[in-house]
Amino acid sequence: MASHLEEAFGAEHERTYGHRAGRDEPVELVSIQVVGTGLRNGSGVPERIIVSRAEPVPPPPRLAYFGKEGGWMNTPVLRRSDFTTARGGPLIVEEYDSTCVIPPHARAELDAGGNLVIEL
């Protein structure tokens, strides 16, 4: 393989510059880039994301306003990873990049893909 690379380099050098290095001059490989492709078994998307690190205790409940009908309600605050079974609202679901509010009388659960599904 190395001799093939050395010959290919020599041929390209000669084509580009009009001459080739002598046989006694070493060729040094400084950088090489490789691109690989392949086929994956399945979709590659996990069925469900599982949190692998211990997380702190969820924050305490907080007051949230649910309009004239619901008014201010003391609302539990959960992380997505706290969902092991379906839960009824009101709830606040906090994540590192978003917050979801589940209103009173709504139901929330995680589907097989780990998505939060809210039924109103």
Protein backbone atom coordinates (compact mmCIF):
# COMPACT_ATOMS: atom_id res chain seq x y z
CA MET A 1 0.00 0.00 0.00
CA ALA A 2 2.80 2.45 0.92
CA SER A 3 4.62 1.77 -2.37
CA HIS A 4 1.39 2.46 -4.25
CA LEU A 5 1.04 5.82 -2.47
CA GLU A 6 4.68 6.65 -3.17
CA GLU A 7 4.25 5.89 -6.87
CA ALA A 8 1.00 7.87 -7.09
CA PHE A 9 2.71 10.83 -5.42
CA GLY A 10 5.68 10.61 -7.81
CA ALA A 11 3.41 10.47 -10.86
CA GLU A 12 1.34 13.46 -9.70
CA HIS A 13 4.49 15.44 -8.83
CA GLU A 14 5.89 14.74 -12.29
CA ARG A 15 2.62 15.69 -13.98
CA THR A 16 2.37 18.94 -11.98
CA TYR A 17 6.03 20.07 -11.83
CA GLY A 18 7.62 18.22 -14.76
CA HIS A 19 10.06 16.14 -12.71
CA ARG A 20 10.13 13.40 -10.15
CA ALA A 21 12.29 12.99 -7.02
CA GLY A 22 15.19 10.54 -7.25
CA ARG A 23 14.75 6.95 -6.08
CA ASP A 24 17.07 7.54 -3.12
CA GLU A 25 15.03 10.52 -1.86
CA PRO A 26 12.50 9.54 0.81
CA VAL A 27 8.81 10.35 0.50
CA GLU A 28 7.17 11.52 3.72
CA LEU A 29 3.43 11.14 4.29
CA VAL A 30 2.42 14.24 6.24
CA SER A 31 -1.37 14.14 6.10
CA ILE A 32 -4.02 11.75 4.86
CA GLN A 33 -7.79 12.02 4.78
CA VAL A 34 -10.09 9.03 4.68
CA VAL A 35 -13.84 8.98 4.07
CA GLY A 36 -15.78 5.87 5.01
CA THR A 37 -19.34 4.94 4.18
CA GLY A 38 -21.45 2.04 5.25
CA LEU A 39 -24.94 0.81 5.87
CA ARG A 40 -26.41 0.85 9.35
CA ASN A 41 -28.70 -1.83 10.70
CA GLY A 42 -32.03 -0.19 11.57
CA SER A 43 -32.73 3.52 11.74
CA GLY A 44 -29.98 4.46 14.17
CA VAL A 45 -32.49 6.35 16.32
CA PRO A 46 -32.80 4.91 19.83
CA GLU A 47 -36.25 3.71 20.84
CA ARG A 48 -36.07 5.86 23.94
CA ILE A 49 -33.45 8.12 25.42
CA ILE A 50 -32.52 7.09 28.94
CA VAL A 51 -30.82 9.53 31.27
CA SER A 52 -27.67 7.84 32.54
CA ARG A 53 -26.62 10.27 35.23
CA ALA A 54 -28.19 10.98 38.61
CA GLU A 55 -30.11 14.24 38.61
CA PRO A 56 -30.87 16.47 41.57
CA VAL A 57 -34.24 16.52 43.27
CA PRO A 58 -36.81 18.37 41.13
CA PRO A 59 -37.49 22.00 42.00
CA PRO A 60 -40.33 22.82 44.38
CA PRO A 61 -43.81 23.57 43.03
CA ARG A 62 -44.50 27.13 41.90
CA LEU A 63 -47.50 29.29 41.29
CA ALA A 64 -48.67 29.35 37.67
CA TYR A 65 -51.60 31.27 36.21
CA PHE A 66 -54.14 29.29 34.16
CA GLY A 67 -56.48 32.06 33.04
CA LYS A 68 -59.72 33.26 34.60
CA GLU A 69 -61.10 29.73 34.95
CA GLY A 70 -58.07 28.18 36.64
CA GLY A 71 -56.53 31.20 38.29
CA TRP A 72 -53.26 30.83 40.17
CA MET A 73 -52.43 27.21 41.01
CA ASN A 74 -49.60 25.64 42.97
CA THR A 75 -48.03 23.60 40.12
CA PRO A 76 -45.51 20.74 40.41
CA VAL A 77 -42.28 21.16 38.41
CA LEU A 78 -40.82 18.02 36.81
CA ARG A 79 -38.02 17.01 34.46
CA ARG A 80 -38.78 14.94 31.37
CA SER A 81 -36.83 12.10 32.98
CA ASP A 82 -39.35 12.13 35.86
CA PHE A 83 -42.02 10.76 33.50
CA THR A 84 -42.28 7.02 34.04
CA THR A 85 -46.07 6.93 33.74
CA ALA A 86 -48.75 9.29 32.43
CA ARG A 87 -49.52 12.26 34.67
CA GLY A 88 -52.39 14.69 34.93
CA GLY A 89 -52.02 18.47 34.90
CA PRO A 90 -51.34 21.01 36.00
CA LEU A 91 -47.60 20.43 35.56
CA ILE A 92 -44.53 22.33 34.45
CA VAL A 93 -41.95 20.22 32.62
CA GLU A 94 -38.51 21.84 32.59
CA GLU A 95 -35.65 20.75 30.34
CA TYR A 96 -32.28 22.23 29.49
CA ASP A 97 -33.66 23.80 26.30
CA SER A 98 -37.41 24.20 26.83
CA THR A 99 -40.31 24.38 29.26
CA CYS A 100 -43.72 22.76 28.68
CA VAL A 101 -46.83 23.67 30.64
CA ILE A 102 -49.50 20.99 31.03
CA PRO A 103 -52.76 22.74 31.92
CA PRO A 104 -55.28 21.47 34.47
CA HIS A 105 -57.41 18.55 33.27
CA ALA A 106 -54.82 17.65 30.58
CA ARG A 107 -52.80 14.42 30.53
CA ALA A 108 -49.14 14.06 29.57
CA GLU A 109 -46.96 11.04 28.87
CA LEU A 110 -43.86 10.05 26.94
CA ASP A 111 -44.29 8.07 23.75
CA ALA A 112 -41.91 5.31 22.60
CA GLY A 113 -39.56 7.92 21.09
CA GLY A 114 -39.34 9.94 24.31
CA ASN A 115 -41.60 12.73 22.99
CA LEU A 116 -43.88 14.48 25.47
CA VAL A 117 -47.47 13.91 24.29
CA ILE A 118 -50.12 16.14 25.83
CA GLU A 119 -53.83 15.28 25.58
CA LEU A 120 -56.09 18.27 26.19
